[in-house]
Amino acid sequence: MKEYIQLTGMVLLATPVNDYDRRTVILTKERGKITAFCRGARRQGSKMMAVTNPFVFGTFKLYEGRDAYNMIDADITHYFEELRSDFEGAYLGMYFLEFTDYCTRENNDDVLMLKLLFQSIRAIIKPNINNDLVRAVFEIKAVAVNGEYPGIPTGREYLPPTLHALNHIIESDIEHLYTFAVSDEVLKELRSLADIYRKRFVDRPLKSLEIIDTV
């Protein structure tokens, strides 16, 4: 009998397949982004229904197929249930998932993106952290993690606290990213910088971002 493997990661996307099954895209620590099918996950009363939702983080038990994986069980440590009652946070979180799906590849080493995604979702559900700041930090750090950080844009001067915050974002360990606050003026400049970097890095519209911008 073929042995199963265990991969730790977060579900980025879940879509229905056939009458009762689900196709999931999971960013894992060990093998980067993978596709996994879960039979019966949409069947009433299935324990796999909850563990195949977007945002869930844990260890997934899988059989490896030729083109995809088959999920048979999971040990979930974080469901991020707080997002169910926080529409603004849920929209922002979905944007983070889509952004991560865009910039990660199958069988690639994307451990830093997984850490960034996990810490950013945790930051969203903390009431003392401004979501606009979380978004700016996520976008800037994601570009840097993927080796696309272009440096400070030329032709404009930025406030010294903005440059200090930018340096903190670029240089800090991911675990220590969300440990600071900024003034409204600095946040505005950080958001502007994040927009510049994102537009250089992402070459197509992201549906979740369009929703955020219209809400």
C-alpha atoms as a PDB file:
ATOM      1  CA  MET A   1       0.000   0.000   0.000  1.00  0.00           C
ATOM      2  CA  LYS A   2       1.292   3.423  -0.926  1.00  0.00           C
ATOM      3  CA  GLU A   3       2.463   5.478   2.044  1.00  0.00           C
ATOM      4  CA  TYR A   4       0.981   8.880   2.770  1.00  0.00           C
ATOM      5  CA  ILE A   5       2.967  12.037   3.402  1.00  0.00           C
ATOM      6  CA  GLN A   6       2.333  14.920   5.791  1.00  0.00           C
ATOM      7  CA  LEU A   7       2.767  18.547   4.680  1.00  0.00           C
ATOM      8  CA  THR A   8       2.314  21.683   6.780  1.00  0.00           C
ATOM      9  CA  GLY A   9       0.709  24.703   5.173  1.00  0.00           C
ATOM     10  CA  MET A  10      -2.278  26.962   4.528  1.00  0.00           C
ATOM     11  CA  VAL A  11      -5.189  26.541   2.123  1.00  0.00           C
ATOM     12  CA  LEU A  12      -5.138  29.332  -0.467  1.00  0.00           C
ATOM     13  CA  LEU A  13      -8.090  28.254  -2.593  1.00  0.00           C
ATOM     14  CA  ALA A  14     -10.919  25.729  -2.496  1.00  0.00           C
ATOM     15  CA  THR A  15     -13.254  24.983  -5.410  1.00  0.00           C
ATOM     16  CA  PRO A  16     -16.029  22.401  -5.860  1.00  0.00           C
ATOM     17  CA  VAL A  17     -15.434  19.315  -7.988  1.00  0.00           C
ATOM     18  CA  ASN A  18     -18.186  16.883  -9.014  1.00  0.00           C
ATOM     19  CA  ASP A  19     -21.058  16.550  -6.537  1.00  0.00           C
ATOM     20  CA  TYR A  20     -19.245  16.249  -3.232  1.00  0.00           C
ATOM     21  CA  ASP A  21     -15.515  16.739  -3.736  1.00  0.00           C
ATOM     22  CA  ARG A  22     -13.176  19.720  -3.380  1.00  0.00           C
ATOM     23  CA  ARG A  23     -10.028  20.833  -5.135  1.00  0.00           C
ATOM     24  CA  THR A  24      -7.700  22.780  -2.867  1.00  0.00           C
ATOM     25  CA  VAL A  25      -4.530  24.769  -3.467  1.00  0.00           C
ATOM     26  CA  ILE A  26      -2.234  24.655  -0.437  1.00  0.00           C
ATOM     27  CA  LEU A  27       1.016  26.515   0.162  1.00  0.00           C
ATOM     28  CA  THR A  28       3.215  24.092   2.081  1.00  0.00           C
ATOM     29  CA  LYS A  29       6.471  24.425   3.956  1.00  0.00           C
ATOM     30  CA  GLU A  30       7.977  21.291   2.477  1.00  0.00           C
ATOM     31  CA  ARG A  31       6.942  21.354  -1.213  1.00  0.00           C
ATOM     32  CA  GLY A  32       5.754  24.845  -2.003  1.00  0.00           C
ATOM     33  CA  LYS A  33       2.343  25.216  -3.614  1.00  0.00           C
ATOM     34  CA  ILE A  34       0.449  22.008  -4.308  1.00  0.00           C
ATOM     35  CA  THR A  35      -2.961  20.962  -5.614  1.00  0.00           C
ATOM     36  CA  ALA A  36      -4.868  18.437  -3.520  1.00  0.00           C
ATOM     37  CA  PHE A  37      -8.259  16.813  -4.068  1.00  0.00           C
ATOM     38  CA  CYS A  38     -10.433  15.786  -1.165  1.00  0.00           C
ATOM     39  CA  ARG A  39     -13.216  13.301  -1.857  1.00  0.00           C
ATOM     40  CA  GLY A  40     -16.479  13.836  -0.032  1.00  0.00           C
ATOM     41  CA  ALA A  41     -15.380  17.133   1.506  1.00  0.00           C
ATOM     42  CA  ARG A  42     -18.675  18.811   0.545  1.00  0.00           C
ATOM     43  CA  ARG A  43     -20.827  15.946   1.753  1.00  0.00           C
ATOM     44  CA  GLN A  44     -23.138  16.846   4.644  1.00  0.00           C
ATOM     45  CA  GLY A  45     -21.469  15.990   7.948  1.00  0.00           C
ATOM     46  CA  SER A  46     -18.018  15.376   6.485  1.00  0.00           C
ATOM     47  CA  LYS A  47     -15.201  16.259   8.862  1.00  0.00           C
ATOM     48  CA  MET A  48     -13.185  17.330   5.825  1.00  0.00           C
ATOM     49  CA  MET A  49     -15.535  20.202   5.018  1.00  0.00           C
ATOM     50  CA  ALA A  50     -13.985  22.542   7.599  1.00  0.00           C
ATOM     51  CA  VAL A  51     -10.368  21.551   6.991  1.00  0.00           C
ATOM     52  CA  THR A  52     -10.523  22.333   3.259  1.00  0.00           C
ATOM     53  CA  ASN A  53     -11.648  25.953   3.646  1.00  0.00           C
ATOM     54  CA  PRO A  54      -9.411  28.901   2.712  1.00  0.00           C
ATOM     55  CA  PHE A  55      -7.261  30.281   5.563  1.00  0.00           C
ATOM     56  CA  VAL A  56      -7.004  27.009   7.515  1.00  0.00           C
ATOM     57  CA  PHE A  57      -3.457  26.232   8.611  1.00  0.00           C
ATOM     58  CA  GLY A  58      -2.172  22.894   9.798  1.00  0.00           C
ATOM     59  CA  THR A  59      -0.708  19.566   8.765  1.00  0.00           C
ATOM     60  CA  PHE A  60      -2.341  17.713   5.886  1.00  0.00           C
ATOM     61  CA  LYS A  61      -2.147  13.969   5.331  1.00  0.00           C
ATOM     62  CA  LEU A  62      -1.930  13.201   1.611  1.00  0.00           C
ATOM     63  CA  TYR A  63      -1.287  10.546  -0.965  1.00  0.00           C
ATOM     64  CA  GLU A  64       0.864  11.720  -3.844  1.00  0.00           C
ATOM     65  CA  GLY A  65      -0.522  11.219  -7.348  1.00  0.00           C
ATOM     66  CA  ARG A  66       0.992  11.830 -10.757  1.00  0.00           C
ATOM     67  CA  ASP A  67      -0.369  15.379 -11.200  1.00  0.00           C
ATOM     68  CA  ALA A  68      -1.910  16.176  -7.808  1.00  0.00           C
ATOM     69  CA  TYR A  69      -2.359  14.973  -4.251  1.00  0.00           C
ATOM     70  CA  ASN A  70      -5.296  13.289  -2.537  1.00  0.00           C
ATOM     71  CA  MET A  71      -6.081  14.548   0.946  1.00  0.00           C
ATOM     72  CA  ILE A  72      -7.284  11.978   3.439  1.00  0.00           C
ATOM     73  CA  ASP A  73      -6.990  13.798   6.766  1.00  0.00           C
ATOM     74  CA  ALA A  74      -5.712  16.966   8.414  1.00  0.00           C
ATOM     75  CA  ASP A  75      -4.672  18.282  11.804  1.00  0.00           C
ATOM     76  CA  ILE A  76      -5.648  21.967  11.808  1.00  0.00           C
ATOM     77  CA  THR A  77      -4.050  24.321  14.319  1.00  0.00           C
ATOM     78  CA  HIS A  78      -5.574  27.608  13.068  1.00  0.00           C
ATOM     79  CA  TYR A  79      -8.991  28.083  11.470  1.00  0.00           C
ATOM     80  CA  PHE A  80      -8.936  31.889  11.790  1.00  0.00           C
ATOM     81  CA  GLU A  81     -12.647  31.813  12.626  1.00  0.00           C
ATOM     82  CA  GLU A  82     -12.516  35.496  13.635  1.00  0.00           C
ATOM     83  CA  LEU A  83     -12.675  36.399   9.947  1.00  0.00           C
ATOM     84  CA  ARG A  84     -16.210  34.992   9.689  1.00  0.00           C
ATOM     85  CA  SER A  85     -17.573  38.026  11.548  1.00  0.00           C
ATOM     86  CA  ASP A  86     -15.080  40.566  10.198  1.00  0.00           C
ATOM     87  CA  PHE A  87     -16.003  41.347   6.598  1.00  0.00           C
ATOM     88  CA  GLU A  88     -13.253  43.925   6.109  1.00  0.00           C
ATOM     89  CA  GLY A  89     -10.659  41.549   7.511  1.00  0.00           C
ATOM     90  CA  ALA A  90     -12.011  38.650   5.433  1.00  0.00           C
ATOM     91  CA  TYR A  91     -11.768  40.667   2.193  1.00  0.00           C
ATOM     92  CA  LEU A  92      -8.213  41.688   3.065  1.00  0.00           C
ATOM     93  CA  GLY A  93      -7.330  38.108   3.937  1.00  0.00           C
ATOM     94  CA  MET A  94      -8.719  36.835   0.627  1.00  0.00           C
ATOM     95  CA  TYR A  95      -6.549  39.399  -1.134  1.00  0.00           C
ATOM     96  CA  PHE A  96      -3.493  38.082   0.716  1.00  0.00           C
ATOM     97  CA  LEU A  97      -4.391  34.534  -0.355  1.00  0.00           C
ATOM     98  CA  GLU A  98      -4.797  35.544  -4.003  1.00  0.00           C
ATOM     99  CA  PHE A  99      -1.572  37.572  -3.952  1.00  0.00           C
ATOM    100  CA  THR A 100       0.271  34.589  -2.461  1.00  0.00           C
ATOM    101  CA  ASP A 101      -1.216  32.245  -5.049  1.00  0.00           C
ATOM    102  CA  TYR A 102      -0.011  34.615  -7.775  1.00  0.00           C
ATOM    103  CA  CYS A 103       3.605  34.810  -6.639  1.00  0.00           C
ATOM    104  CA  THR A 104       4.239  31.205  -5.568  1.00  0.00           C
ATOM    105  CA  ARG A 105       4.958  28.155  -7.714  1.00  0.00           C
ATOM    106  CA  GLU A 106       4.540  24.424  -7.366  1.00  0.00           C
ATOM    107  CA  ASN A 107       7.512  22.581  -5.885  1.00  0.00           C
ATOM    108  CA  ASN A 108       9.264  25.881  -5.155  1.00  0.00           C
ATOM    109  CA  ASP A 109      10.848  26.948  -1.865  1.00  0.00           C
ATOM    110  CA  ASP A 110       8.257  29.452  -0.635  1.00  0.00           C
ATOM    111  CA  VAL A 111       8.721  29.059   3.114  1.00  0.00           C
ATOM    112  CA  LEU A 112       9.135  32.810   3.607  1.00  0.00           C
ATOM    113  CA  MET A 113       5.892  33.551   1.747  1.00  0.00           C
ATOM    114  CA  LEU A 114       4.102  30.996   3.901  1.00  0.00           C
ATOM    115  CA  LYS A 115       5.474  32.651   7.049  1.00  0.00           C
ATOM    116  CA  LEU A 116       4.510  36.080   5.741  1.00  0.00           C
ATOM    117  CA  LEU A 117       0.993  34.967   4.884  1.00  0.00           C
ATOM    118  CA  PHE A 118       0.491  33.302   8.274  1.00  0.00           C
ATOM    119  CA  GLN A 119       1.777  36.288  10.261  1.00  0.00           C
ATOM    120  CA  SER A 120      -0.236  38.736   8.139  1.00  0.00           C
ATOM    121  CA  ILE A 121      -3.496  36.838   8.677  1.00  0.00           C
ATOM    122  CA  ARG A 122      -2.750  36.823  12.400  1.00  0.00           C
ATOM    123  CA  ALA A 123      -2.182  40.589  12.246  1.00  0.00           C
ATOM    124  CA  ILE A 124      -5.556  41.143  10.564  1.00  0.00           C
ATOM    125  CA  ILE A 125      -7.461  39.622  13.464  1.00  0.00           C
ATOM    126  CA  LYS A 126      -5.657  41.722  16.076  1.00  0.00           C
ATOM    127  CA  PRO A 127      -7.819  44.780  16.840  1.00  0.00           C
ATOM    128  CA  ASN A 128      -4.861  46.992  17.794  1.00  0.00           C
ATOM    129  CA  ILE A 129      -3.206  46.816  14.339  1.00  0.00           C
ATOM    130  CA  ASN A 130      -4.423  49.075  11.519  1.00  0.00           C
ATOM    131  CA  ASN A 131      -5.477  46.983   8.507  1.00  0.00           C
ATOM    132  CA  ASP A 132      -4.147  49.604   6.090  1.00  0.00           C
ATOM    133  CA  LEU A 133      -0.746  49.211   7.719  1.00  0.00           C
ATOM    134  CA  VAL A 134      -1.008  45.415   7.551  1.00  0.00           C
ATOM    135  CA  ARG A 135      -1.737  45.630   3.836  1.00  0.00           C
ATOM    136  CA  ALA A 136       1.184  47.978   3.144  1.00  0.00           C
ATOM    137  CA  VAL A 137       3.589  45.827   5.157  1.00  0.00           C
ATOM    138  CA  PHE A 138       2.406  42.640   3.447  1.00  0.00           C
ATOM    139  CA  GLU A 139       2.737  44.050  -0.064  1.00  0.00           C
ATOM    140  CA  ILE A 140       6.181  45.551   0.508  1.00  0.00           C
ATOM    141  CA  LYS A 141       7.565  42.483   2.278  1.00  0.00           C
ATOM    142  CA  ALA A 142       6.090  40.116  -0.316  1.00  0.00           C
ATOM    143  CA  VAL A 143       7.906  41.948  -3.096  1.00  0.00           C
ATOM    144  CA  ALA A 144      11.143  41.817  -1.092  1.00  0.00           C
ATOM    145  CA  VAL A 145      10.741  38.120  -0.234  1.00  0.00           C
ATOM    146  CA  ASN A 146      10.388  37.358  -3.943  1.00  0.00           C
ATOM    147  CA  GLY A 147      13.581  39.218  -4.758  1.00  0.00           C
ATOM    148  CA  GLU A 148      11.847  42.071  -6.579  1.00  0.00           C
ATOM    149  CA  TYR A 149      12.476  44.971  -4.181  1.00  0.00           C
ATOM    150  CA  PRO A 150      13.669  47.887  -6.398  1.00  0.00           C
ATOM    151  CA  GLY A 151      14.782  50.273  -3.672  1.00  0.00           C
ATOM    152  CA  ILE A 152      13.370  53.712  -2.861  1.00  0.00           C
ATOM    153  CA  PRO A 153      11.693  55.343  -5.892  1.00  0.00           C
ATOM    154  CA  THR A 154      13.546  58.334  -7.316  1.00  0.00           C
ATOM    155  CA  GLY A 155      12.084  61.760  -7.971  1.00  0.00           C
ATOM    156  CA  ARG A 156      10.324  62.141  -4.630  1.00  0.00           C
ATOM    157  CA  GLU A 157      11.333  62.769  -1.037  1.00  0.00           C
ATOM    158  CA  TYR A 158       9.861  60.766   1.812  1.00  0.00           C
ATOM    159  CA  LEU A 159       9.579  61.551   5.503  1.00  0.00           C
ATOM    160  CA  PRO A 160      12.426  60.159   7.638  1.00  0.00           C
ATOM    161  CA  PRO A 161       9.975  58.051   9.724  1.00  0.00           C
ATOM    162  CA  THR A 162       8.654  56.569   6.461  1.00  0.00           C
ATOM    163  CA  LEU A 163      12.144  55.543   5.398  1.00  0.00           C
ATOM    164  CA  HIS A 164      12.770  54.109   8.863  1.00  0.00           C
ATOM    165  CA  ALA A 165       9.555  52.080   8.674  1.00  0.00           C
ATOM    166  CA  LEU A 166      10.410  50.910   5.153  1.00  0.00           C
ATOM    167  CA  ASN A 167      13.832  49.745   6.302  1.00  0.00           C
ATOM    168  CA  HIS A 168      12.216  47.885   9.209  1.00  0.00           C
ATOM    169  CA  ILE A 169       9.856  46.091   6.818  1.00  0.00           C
ATOM    170  CA  ILE A 170      12.635  45.095   4.419  1.00  0.00           C
ATOM    171  CA  GLU A 171      15.219  44.068   7.026  1.00  0.00           C
ATOM    172  CA  SER A 172      13.156  42.565   9.859  1.00  0.00           C
ATOM    173  CA  ASP A 173      12.429  38.909  10.395  1.00  0.00           C
ATOM    174  CA  ILE A 174       8.871  38.110   9.411  1.00  0.00           C
ATOM    175  CA  GLU A 175       7.981  37.242  13.010  1.00  0.00           C
ATOM    176  CA  HIS A 176       8.766  40.850  14.018  1.00  0.00           C
ATOM    177  CA  LEU A 177       7.079  42.672  11.143  1.00  0.00           C
ATOM    178  CA  TYR A 178       3.916  43.791  12.877  1.00  0.00           C
ATOM    179  CA  THR A 179       5.449  45.343  15.973  1.00  0.00           C
ATOM    180  CA  PHE A 180       5.208  49.043  15.193  1.00  0.00           C
ATOM    181  CA  ALA A 181       2.710  51.835  14.583  1.00  0.00           C
ATOM    182  CA  VAL A 182       3.000  54.917  12.378  1.00  0.00           C
ATOM    183  CA  SER A 183       1.353  58.302  11.987  1.00  0.00           C
ATOM    184  CA  ASP A 184      -1.315  58.922   9.361  1.00  0.00           C
ATOM    185  CA  GLU A 185       1.210  60.810   7.214  1.00  0.00           C
ATOM    186  CA  VAL A 186       3.707  57.944   7.305  1.00  0.00           C
ATOM    187  CA  LEU A 187       0.984  55.384   6.625  1.00  0.00           C
ATOM    188  CA  LYS A 188      -0.090  57.341   3.555  1.00  0.00           C
ATOM    189  CA  GLU A 189       3.459  57.280   2.219  1.00  0.00           C
ATOM    190  CA  LEU A 190       3.875  53.577   2.984  1.00  0.00           C
ATOM    191  CA  ARG A 191       0.643  52.826   1.132  1.00  0.00           C
ATOM    192  CA  SER A 192       1.923  54.841  -1.839  1.00  0.00           C
ATOM    193  CA  LEU A 193       5.191  52.905  -1.839  1.00  0.00           C
ATOM    194  CA  ALA A 194       3.351  49.588  -1.563  1.00  0.00           C
ATOM    195  CA  ASP A 195       1.193  50.517  -4.570  1.00  0.00           C
ATOM    196  CA  ILE A 196       4.297  51.342  -6.622  1.00  0.00           C
ATOM    197  CA  TYR A 197       6.008  48.064  -5.757  1.00  0.00           C
ATOM    198  CA  ARG A 198       2.871  45.961  -6.275  1.00  0.00           C
ATOM    199  CA  LYS A 199       2.164  47.418  -9.712  1.00  0.00           C
ATOM    200  CA  ARG A 200       5.717  46.611 -10.790  1.00  0.00           C
ATOM    201  CA  PHE A 201       5.527  43.067  -9.435  1.00  0.00           C
ATOM    202  CA  VAL A 202       1.971  41.994 -10.328  1.00  0.00           C
ATOM    203  CA  ASP A 203       1.238  42.046 -14.037  1.00  0.00           C
ATOM    204  CA  ARG A 204      -2.476  41.286 -13.963  1.00  0.00           C
ATOM    205  CA  PRO A 205      -5.554  42.474 -12.032  1.00  0.00           C
ATOM    206  CA  LEU A 206      -6.364  40.643  -8.809  1.00  0.00           C
ATOM    207  CA  LYS A 207     -10.104  40.108  -8.333  1.00  0.00           C
ATOM    208  CA  SER A 208      -9.977  40.378  -4.542  1.00  0.00           C
ATOM    209  CA  LEU A 209      -8.133  43.700  -4.766  1.00  0.00           C
ATOM    210  CA  GLU A 210     -10.833  45.085  -7.051  1.00  0.00           C
ATOM    211  CA  ILE A 211     -13.431  44.134  -4.424  1.00  0.00           C
ATOM    212  CA  ILE A 212     -11.438  45.818  -1.631  1.00  0.00           C
ATOM    213  CA  ASP A 213     -11.103  49.022  -3.648  1.00  0.00           C
ATOM    214  CA  THR A 214     -14.868  49.193  -4.224  1.00  0.00           C
ATOM    215  CA  VAL A 215     -15.966  48.402  -0.656  1.00  0.00           C
END
